[in-house]
Amino acid sequence: MDDFYCLIKLVKKKIEFYFIKNKSNAGIYNYPICFTGFTVNLLTVLIQSHELINFLSIDHWLYLGQELFKIEVAIFSGQEYIQK
């Protein structure tokens, strides 16, 4: 299990990606790291530039790729996006 989790939201055609440390292993409270962008391409460039993202497992990366694809489809088609 990763020490971090990610929350993805679509707010008025803007993608918000939150990178949050699990509370179970924290003695010190850490604030979430937030990335925002209007396209998935821009967002992935921003995410890759941060060193903490290297702590995610391959399985987690694959899941995030699926979610980013779904959010891009939701933006293109004008649908609502809910992360699963």
PDB file of N, CA and C in Angstrom:
ATOM      1  N   MET A   1       0.841  -1.191   0.000  1.00  0.00           N
ATOM      2  CA  MET A   1       0.000   0.000   0.000  1.00  0.00           C
ATOM      3  C   MET A   1       0.882   1.249   0.000  1.00  0.00           C
ATOM      4  N   ASP A   2       0.525   2.202  -0.825  1.00  0.00           N
ATOM      5  CA  ASP A   2       1.290   3.445  -0.908  1.00  0.00           C
ATOM      6  C   ASP A   2       1.067   4.297   0.337  1.00  0.00           C
ATOM      7  N   ASP A   3       2.047   5.145   0.623  1.00  0.00           N
ATOM      8  CA  ASP A   3       1.929   6.071   1.739  1.00  0.00           C
ATOM      9  C   ASP A   3       1.156   7.329   1.354  1.00  0.00           C
ATOM     10  N   PHE A   4       0.742   7.390   0.097  1.00  0.00           N
ATOM     11  CA  PHE A   4       0.046   8.566  -0.410  1.00  0.00           C
ATOM     12  C   PHE A   4      -1.212   8.138  -1.151  1.00  0.00           C
ATOM     13  N   TYR A   5      -2.153   9.031  -1.274  1.00  0.00           N
ATOM     14  CA  TYR A   5      -3.303   8.804  -2.139  1.00  0.00           C
ATOM     15  C   TYR A   5      -3.579  10.076  -2.924  1.00  0.00           C
ATOM     16  N   CYS A   6      -4.342   9.940  -3.997  1.00  0.00           N
ATOM     17  CA  CYS A   6      -4.604  11.062  -4.882  1.00  0.00           C
ATOM     18  C   CYS A   6      -6.102  11.276  -5.023  1.00  0.00           C
ATOM     19  N   LEU A   7      -6.490  12.515  -5.068  1.00  0.00           N
ATOM     20  CA  LEU A   7      -7.880  12.899  -5.264  1.00  0.00           C
ATOM     21  C   LEU A   7      -7.940  13.770  -6.513  1.00  0.00           C
ATOM     22  N   ILE A   8      -8.837  13.421  -7.425  1.00  0.00           N
ATOM     23  CA  ILE A   8      -8.956  14.158  -8.684  1.00  0.00           C
ATOM     24  C   ILE A   8     -10.367  14.730  -8.778  1.00  0.00           C
ATOM     25  N   LYS A   9     -10.465  16.026  -9.086  1.00  0.00           N
ATOM     26  CA  LYS A   9     -11.764  16.696  -9.212  1.00  0.00           C
ATOM     27  C   LYS A   9     -11.800  17.499 -10.507  1.00  0.00           C
ATOM     28  N   LEU A  10     -12.994  17.676 -11.025  1.00  0.00           N
ATOM     29  CA  LEU A  10     -13.215  18.555 -12.169  1.00  0.00           C
ATOM     30  C   LEU A  10     -14.106  19.691 -11.696  1.00  0.00           C
ATOM     31  N   VAL A  11     -13.559  20.907 -11.690  1.00  0.00           N
ATOM     32  CA  VAL A  11     -14.283  22.079 -11.208  1.00  0.00           C
ATOM     33  C   VAL A  11     -14.297  23.115 -12.324  1.00  0.00           C
ATOM     34  N   LYS A  12     -15.467  23.300 -12.940  1.00  0.00           N
ATOM     35  CA  LYS A  12     -15.639  24.282 -14.014  1.00  0.00           C
ATOM     36  C   LYS A  12     -14.577  24.132 -15.106  1.00  0.00           C
ATOM     37  N   LYS A  13     -14.424  22.918 -15.619  1.00  0.00           N
ATOM     38  CA  LYS A  13     -13.485  22.567 -16.688  1.00  0.00           C
ATOM     39  C   LYS A  13     -12.019  22.703 -16.278  1.00  0.00           C
ATOM     40  N   LYS A  14     -11.753  22.843 -14.995  1.00  0.00           N
ATOM     41  CA  LYS A  14     -10.386  22.886 -14.480  1.00  0.00           C
ATOM     42  C   LYS A  14     -10.152  21.599 -13.689  1.00  0.00           C
ATOM     43  N   ILE A  15      -9.049  20.908 -13.965  1.00  0.00           N
ATOM     44  CA  ILE A  15      -8.726  19.665 -13.282  1.00  0.00           C
ATOM     45  C   ILE A  15      -7.915  20.002 -12.030  1.00  0.00           C
ATOM     46  N   GLU A  16      -8.358  19.459 -10.897  1.00  0.00           N
ATOM     47  CA  GLU A  16      -7.628  19.616  -9.639  1.00  0.00           C
ATOM     48  C   GLU A  16      -7.141  18.240  -9.215  1.00  0.00           C
ATOM     49  N   PHE A  17      -5.858  18.104  -8.996  1.00  0.00           N
ATOM     50  CA  PHE A  17      -5.221  16.845  -8.620  1.00  0.00           C
ATOM     51  C   PHE A  17      -4.539  17.052  -7.276  1.00  0.00           C
ATOM     52  N   TYR A  18      -5.013  16.365  -6.239  1.00  0.00           N
ATOM     53  CA  TYR A  18      -4.461  16.495  -4.892  1.00  0.00           C
ATOM     54  C   TYR A  18      -3.642  15.257  -4.557  1.00  0.00           C
ATOM     55  N   PHE A  19      -2.451  15.451  -4.057  1.00  0.00           N
ATOM     56  CA  PHE A  19      -1.526  14.399  -3.659  1.00  0.00           C
ATOM     57  C   PHE A  19      -1.416  14.486  -2.143  1.00  0.00           C
ATOM     58  N   ILE A  20      -1.927  13.473  -1.429  1.00  0.00           N
ATOM     59  CA  ILE A  20      -2.111  13.568   0.019  1.00  0.00           C
ATOM     60  C   ILE A  20      -1.421  12.400   0.711  1.00  0.00           C
ATOM     61  N   LYS A  21      -0.724  12.673   1.797  1.00  0.00           N
ATOM     62  CA  LYS A  21      -0.068  11.630   2.580  1.00  0.00           C
ATOM     63  C   LYS A  21      -1.102  10.970   3.491  1.00  0.00           C
ATOM     64  N   ASN A  22      -1.042   9.626   3.586  1.00  0.00           N
ATOM     65  CA  ASN A  22      -1.943   8.899   4.489  1.00  0.00           C
ATOM     66  C   ASN A  22      -1.701   9.325   5.924  1.00  0.00           C
ATOM     67  N   LYS A  23      -2.773   9.470   6.687  1.00  0.00           N
ATOM     68  CA  LYS A  23      -2.652   9.877   8.083  1.00  0.00           C
ATOM     69  C   LYS A  23      -2.124   8.748   8.965  1.00  0.00           C
ATOM     70  N   SER A  24      -2.287   7.509   8.533  1.00  0.00           N
ATOM     71  CA  SER A  24      -1.913   6.369   9.366  1.00  0.00           C
ATOM     72  C   SER A  24      -0.422   6.319   9.680  1.00  0.00           C
ATOM     73  N   ASN A  25       0.400   6.826   8.793  1.00  0.00           N
ATOM     74  CA  ASN A  25       1.840   6.763   9.029  1.00  0.00           C
ATOM     75  C   ASN A  25       2.425   8.123   9.409  1.00  0.00           C
ATOM     76  N   ALA A  26       1.589   9.078   9.681  1.00  0.00           N
ATOM     77  CA  ALA A  26       2.073  10.435   9.927  1.00  0.00           C
ATOM     78  C   ALA A  26       2.067  10.770  11.417  1.00  0.00           C
ATOM     79  N   GLY A  27       3.179  11.267  11.894  1.00  0.00           N
ATOM     80  CA  GLY A  27       3.227  11.836  13.228  1.00  0.00           C
ATOM     81  C   GLY A  27       3.058  13.338  13.123  1.00  0.00           C
ATOM     82  N   ILE A  28       3.375  13.844  11.952  1.00  0.00           N
ATOM     83  CA  ILE A  28       3.280  15.270  11.658  1.00  0.00           C
ATOM     84  C   ILE A  28       2.259  15.435  10.541  1.00  0.00           C
ATOM     85  N   TYR A  29       1.373  16.394  10.683  1.00  0.00           N
ATOM     86  CA  TYR A  29       0.358  16.613   9.653  1.00  0.00           C
ATOM     87  C   TYR A  29       1.001  17.235   8.425  1.00  0.00           C
ATOM     88  N   ASN A  30       0.744  16.650   7.285  1.00  0.00           N
ATOM     89  CA  ASN A  30       1.254  17.187   6.023  1.00  0.00           C
ATOM     90  C   ASN A  30       0.090  17.692   5.180  1.00  0.00           C
ATOM     91  N   TYR A  31       0.217  18.872   4.653  1.00  0.00           N
ATOM     92  CA  TYR A  31      -0.822  19.435   3.806  1.00  0.00           C
ATOM     93  C   TYR A  31      -0.783  18.786   2.423  1.00  0.00           C
ATOM     94  N   PRO A  32      -1.928  18.719   1.754  1.00  0.00           N
ATOM     95  CA  PRO A  32      -1.939  18.131   0.403  1.00  0.00           C
ATOM     96  C   PRO A  32      -1.199  19.025  -0.590  1.00  0.00           C
ATOM     97  N   ILE A  33      -0.628  18.382  -1.579  1.00  0.00           N
ATOM     98  CA  ILE A  33       0.003  19.101  -2.684  1.00  0.00           C
ATOM     99  C   ILE A  33      -1.027  19.136  -3.798  1.00  0.00           C
ATOM    100  N   CYS A  34      -1.310  20.310  -4.325  1.00  0.00           N
ATOM    101  CA  CYS A  34      -2.363  20.466  -5.326  1.00  0.00           C
ATOM    102  C   CYS A  34      -1.765  20.906  -6.658  1.00  0.00           C
ATOM    103  N   PHE A  35      -2.169  20.201  -7.718  1.00  0.00           N
ATOM    104  CA  PHE A  35      -1.811  20.565  -9.083  1.00  0.00           C
ATOM    105  C   PHE A  35      -3.103  20.906  -9.809  1.00  0.00           C
ATOM    106  N   THR A  36      -3.117  21.984 -10.583  1.00  0.00           N
ATOM    107  CA  THR A  36      -4.312  22.336 -11.355  1.00  0.00           C
ATOM    108  C   THR A  36      -3.931  22.639 -12.791  1.00  0.00           C
ATOM    109  N   GLY A  37      -4.854  22.339 -13.681  1.00  0.00           N
ATOM    110  CA  GLY A  37      -4.630  22.610 -15.091  1.00  0.00           C
ATOM    111  C   GLY A  37      -5.908  22.436 -15.872  1.00  0.00           C
ATOM    112  N   PHE A  38      -5.936  22.955 -17.083  1.00  0.00           N
ATOM    113  CA  PHE A  38      -7.108  22.843 -17.935  1.00  0.00           C
ATOM    114  C   PHE A  38      -7.021  21.669 -18.900  1.00  0.00           C
ATOM    115  N   THR A  39      -5.822  21.048 -19.013  1.00  0.00           N
ATOM    116  CA  THR A  39      -5.667  19.872 -19.862  1.00  0.00           C
ATOM    117  C   THR A  39      -4.903  18.792 -19.093  1.00  0.00           C
ATOM    118  N   VAL A  40      -5.128  17.549 -19.487  1.00  0.00           N
ATOM    119  CA  VAL A  40      -4.426  16.434 -18.858  1.00  0.00           C
ATOM    120  C   VAL A  40      -2.939  16.502 -19.194  1.00  0.00           C
ATOM    121  N   ASN A  41      -2.593  16.915 -20.406  1.00  0.00           N
ATOM    122  CA  ASN A  41      -1.182  17.013 -20.790  1.00  0.00           C
ATOM    123  C   ASN A  41      -0.419  17.983 -19.895  1.00  0.00           C
ATOM    124  N   LEU A  42      -0.986  19.144 -19.656  1.00  0.00           N
ATOM    125  CA  LEU A  42      -0.351  20.124 -18.777  1.00  0.00           C
ATOM    126  C   LEU A  42      -0.243  19.572 -17.356  1.00  0.00           C
ATOM    127  N   LEU A  43      -1.299  18.941 -16.903  1.00  0.00           N
ATOM    128  CA  LEU A  43      -1.323  18.397 -15.551  1.00  0.00           C
ATOM    129  C   LEU A  43      -0.260  17.316 -15.359  1.00  0.00           C
ATOM    130  N   THR A  44      -0.076  16.439 -16.337  1.00  0.00           N
ATOM    131  CA  THR A  44       0.932  15.388 -16.196  1.00  0.00           C
ATOM    132  C   THR A  44       2.347  15.960 -16.175  1.00  0.00           C
ATOM    133  N   VAL A  45       2.590  17.020 -16.912  1.00  0.00           N
ATOM    134  CA  VAL A  45       3.906  17.676 -16.863  1.00  0.00           C
ATOM    135  C   VAL A  45       4.155  18.243 -15.464  1.00  0.00           C
ATOM    136  N   LEU A  46       3.148  18.871 -14.884  1.00  0.00           N
ATOM    137  CA  LEU A  46       3.283  19.417 -13.531  1.00  0.00           C
ATOM    138  C   LEU A  46       3.510  18.316 -12.500  1.00  0.00           C
ATOM    139  N   ILE A  47       2.751  17.232 -12.607  1.00  0.00           N
ATOM    140  CA  ILE A  47       2.865  16.126 -11.650  1.00  0.00           C
ATOM    141  C   ILE A  47       4.247  15.491 -11.727  1.00  0.00           C
ATOM    142  N   GLN A  48       4.741  15.283 -12.930  1.00  0.00           N
ATOM    143  CA  GLN A  48       6.044  14.639 -13.105  1.00  0.00           C
ATOM    144  C   GLN A  48       7.200  15.495 -12.585  1.00  0.00           C
ATOM    145  N   SER A  49       6.980  16.799 -12.459  1.00  0.00           N
ATOM    146  CA  SER A  49       8.046  17.685 -11.995  1.00  0.00           C
ATOM    147  C   SER A  49       8.225  17.656 -10.479  1.00  0.00           C
ATOM    148  N   HIS A  50       7.308  17.024  -9.750  1.00  0.00           N
ATOM    149  CA  HIS A  50       7.395  16.981  -8.286  1.00  0.00           C
ATOM    150  C   HIS A  50       8.001  15.661  -7.842  1.00  0.00           C
ATOM    151  N   GLU A  51       8.916  15.709  -6.895  1.00  0.00           N
ATOM    152  CA  GLU A  51       9.631  14.504  -6.471  1.00  0.00           C
ATOM    153  C   GLU A  51       8.786  13.526  -5.653  1.00  0.00           C
ATOM    154  N   LEU A  52       7.782  13.977  -4.955  1.00  0.00           N
ATOM    155  CA  LEU A  52       6.970  13.069  -4.127  1.00  0.00           C
ATOM    156  C   LEU A  52       6.166  12.076  -4.955  1.00  0.00           C
ATOM    157  N   ILE A  53       5.908  12.407  -6.193  1.00  0.00           N
ATOM    158  CA  ILE A  53       5.125  11.523  -7.052  1.00  0.00           C
ATOM    159  C   ILE A  53       5.875  10.212  -7.317  1.00  0.00           C
ATOM    160  N   ASN A  54       7.188  10.187  -7.099  1.00  0.00           N
ATOM    161  CA  ASN A  54       7.982   8.969  -7.292  1.00  0.00           C
ATOM    162  C   ASN A  54       7.677   7.894  -6.253  1.00  0.00           C
ATOM    163  N   PHE A  55       6.966   8.233  -5.199  1.00  0.00           N
ATOM    164  CA  PHE A  55       6.644   7.270  -4.148  1.00  0.00           C
ATOM    165  C   PHE A  55       5.403   6.438  -4.456  1.00  0.00           C
ATOM    166  N   LEU A  56       4.739   6.703  -5.581  1.00  0.00           N
ATOM    167  CA  LEU A  56       3.565   5.909  -5.953  1.00  0.00           C
ATOM    168  C   LEU A  56       3.990   4.621  -6.653  1.00  0.00           C
ATOM    169  N   SER A  57       3.239   3.552  -6.417  1.00  0.00           N
ATOM    170  CA  SER A  57       3.524   2.273  -7.056  1.00  0.00           C
ATOM    171  C   SER A  57       3.076   2.295  -8.521  1.00  0.00           C
ATOM    172  N   ILE A  58       3.549   1.319  -9.285  1.00  0.00           N
ATOM    173  CA  ILE A  58       3.149   1.188 -10.691  1.00  0.00           C
ATOM    174  C   ILE A  58       1.639   0.995 -10.795  1.00  0.00           C
ATOM    175  N   ASP A  59       1.067   0.179  -9.918  1.00  0.00           N
ATOM    176  CA  ASP A  59      -0.383  -0.039  -9.930  1.00  0.00           C
ATOM    177  C   ASP A  59      -1.147   1.266  -9.721  1.00  0.00           C
ATOM    178  N   HIS A  60      -0.646   2.086  -8.821  1.00  0.00           N
ATOM    179  CA  HIS A  60      -1.299   3.371  -8.551  1.00  0.00           C
ATOM    180  C   HIS A  60      -1.188   4.285  -9.770  1.00  0.00           C
ATOM    181  N   TRP A  61      -0.020   4.281 -10.413  1.00  0.00           N
ATOM    182  CA  TRP A  61       0.168   5.081 -11.629  1.00  0.00           C
ATOM    183  C   TRP A  61      -0.800   4.666 -12.729  1.00  0.00           C
ATOM    184  N   LEU A  62      -0.977   3.339 -12.896  1.00  0.00           N
ATOM    185  CA  LEU A  62      -1.903   2.854 -13.923  1.00  0.00           C
ATOM    186  C   LEU A  62      -3.331   3.299 -13.625  1.00  0.00           C
ATOM    187  N   TYR A  63      -3.724   3.220 -12.364  1.00  0.00           N
ATOM    188  CA  TYR A  63      -5.057   3.681 -11.963  1.00  0.00           C
ATOM    189  C   TYR A  63      -5.217   5.178 -12.257  1.00  0.00           C
ATOM    190  N   LEU A  64      -4.222   5.967 -11.913  1.00  0.00           N
ATOM    191  CA  LEU A  64      -4.299   7.415 -12.150  1.00  0.00           C
ATOM    192  C   LEU A  64      -4.384   7.731 -13.639  1.00  0.00           C
ATOM    193  N   GLY A  65      -3.686   6.952 -14.454  1.00  0.00           N
ATOM    194  CA  GLY A  65      -3.780   7.127 -15.903  1.00  0.00           C
ATOM    195  C   GLY A  65      -5.193   6.895 -16.404  1.00  0.00           C
ATOM    196  N   GLN A  66      -5.850   5.867 -15.875  1.00  0.00           N
ATOM    197  CA  GLN A  66      -7.241   5.595 -16.249  1.00  0.00           C
ATOM    198  C   GLN A  66      -8.150   6.755 -15.833  1.00  0.00           C
ATOM    199  N   GLU A  67      -7.949   7.256 -14.622  1.00  0.00           N
ATOM    200  CA  GLU A  67      -8.789   8.352 -14.126  1.00  0.00           C
ATOM    201  C   GLU A  67      -8.550   9.636 -14.925  1.00  0.00           C
ATOM    202  N   LEU A  68      -7.315   9.912 -15.284  1.00  0.00           N
ATOM    203  CA  LEU A  68      -7.038  11.106 -16.090  1.00  0.00           C
ATOM    204  C   LEU A  68      -7.630  10.984 -17.488  1.00  0.00           C
ATOM    205  N   PHE A  69      -7.631   9.779 -18.028  1.00  0.00           N
ATOM    206  CA  PHE A  69      -8.287   9.554 -19.320  1.00  0.00           C
ATOM    207  C   PHE A  69      -9.788   9.809 -19.197  1.00  0.00           C
ATOM    208  N   LYS A  70     -10.406   9.299 -18.129  1.00  0.00           N
ATOM    209  CA  LYS A  70     -11.847   9.493 -17.935  1.00  0.00           C
ATOM    210  C   LYS A  70     -12.195  10.971 -17.751  1.00  0.00           C
ATOM    211  N   ILE A  71     -11.336  11.715 -17.073  1.00  0.00           N
ATOM    212  CA  ILE A  71     -11.623  13.134 -16.866  1.00  0.00           C
ATOM    213  C   ILE A  71     -11.487  13.900 -18.184  1.00  0.00           C
ATOM    214  N   GLU A  72     -10.552  13.476 -19.028  1.00  0.00           N
ATOM    215  CA  GLU A  72     -10.407  14.119 -20.337  1.00  0.00           C
ATOM    216  C   GLU A  72     -11.641  13.864 -21.204  1.00  0.00           C
ATOM    217  N   VAL A  73     -12.173  12.651 -21.167  1.00  0.00           N
ATOM    218  CA  VAL A  73     -13.400  12.318 -21.900  1.00  0.00           C
ATOM    219  C   VAL A  73     -14.570  13.136 -21.356  1.00  0.00           C
ATOM    220  N   ALA A  74     -14.637  13.290 -20.035  1.00  0.00           N
ATOM    221  CA  ALA A  74     -15.722  14.071 -19.423  1.00  0.00           C
ATOM    222  C   ALA A  74     -15.660  15.534 -19.856  1.00  0.00           C
ATOM    223  N   ILE A  75     -14.465  16.091 -19.931  1.00  0.00           N
ATOM    224  CA  ILE A  75     -14.315  17.482 -20.382  1.00  0.00           C
ATOM    225  C   ILE A  75     -14.751  17.603 -21.839  1.00  0.00           C
ATOM    226  N   PHE A  76     -14.285  16.693 -22.671  1.00  0.00           N
ATOM    227  CA  PHE A  76     -14.596  16.732 -24.104  1.00  0.00           C
ATOM    228  C   PHE A  76     -16.092  16.586 -24.369  1.00  0.00           C
ATOM    229  N   SER A  77     -16.749  15.706 -23.616  1.00  0.00           N
ATOM    230  CA  SER A  77     -18.161  15.424 -23.869  1.00  0.00           C
ATOM    231  C   SER A  77     -19.113  16.270 -23.009  1.00  0.00           C
ATOM    232  N   GLY A  78     -18.571  17.084 -22.117  1.00  0.00           N
ATOM    233  CA  GLY A  78     -19.405  17.938 -21.272  1.00  0.00           C
ATOM    234  C   GLY A  78     -20.129  17.193 -20.165  1.00  0.00           C
ATOM    235  N   GLN A  79     -19.606  16.034 -19.791  1.00  0.00           N
ATOM    236  CA  GLN A  79     -20.227  15.242 -18.730  1.00  0.00           C
ATOM    237  C   GLN A  79     -19.608  15.543 -17.384  1.00  0.00           C
ATOM    238  N   GLU A  80     -20.288  15.096 -16.335  1.00  0.00           N
ATOM    239  CA  GLU A  80     -19.782  15.230 -14.988  1.00  0.00           C
ATOM    240  C   GLU A  80     -18.754  14.127 -14.738  1.00  0.00           C
ATOM    241  N   TYR A  81     -17.720  14.413 -13.949  1.00  0.00           N
ATOM    242  CA  TYR A  81     -16.693  13.422 -13.621  1.00  0.00           C
ATOM    243  C   TYR A  81     -16.741  13.124 -12.131  1.00  0.00           C
ATOM    244  N   ILE A  82     -16.737  11.839 -11.786  1.00  0.00           N
ATOM    245  CA  ILE A  82     -16.655  11.400 -10.395  1.00  0.00           C
ATOM    246  C   ILE A  82     -15.574  10.338 -10.319  1.00  0.00           C
ATOM    247  N   GLN A  83     -14.586  10.554  -9.459  1.00  0.00           N
ATOM    248  CA  GLN A  83     -13.497   9.590  -9.297  1.00  0.00           C
ATOM    249  C   GLN A  83     -14.003   8.359  -8.565  1.00  0.00           C
ATOM    250  N   LYS A  84     -13.608   7.189  -9.051  1.00  0.00           N
ATOM    251  CA  LYS A  84     -14.002   5.931  -8.384  1.00  0.00           C
ATOM    252  C   LYS A  84     -12.843   5.288  -7.711  1.00  0.00           C
TER     253      LYS A  84
END
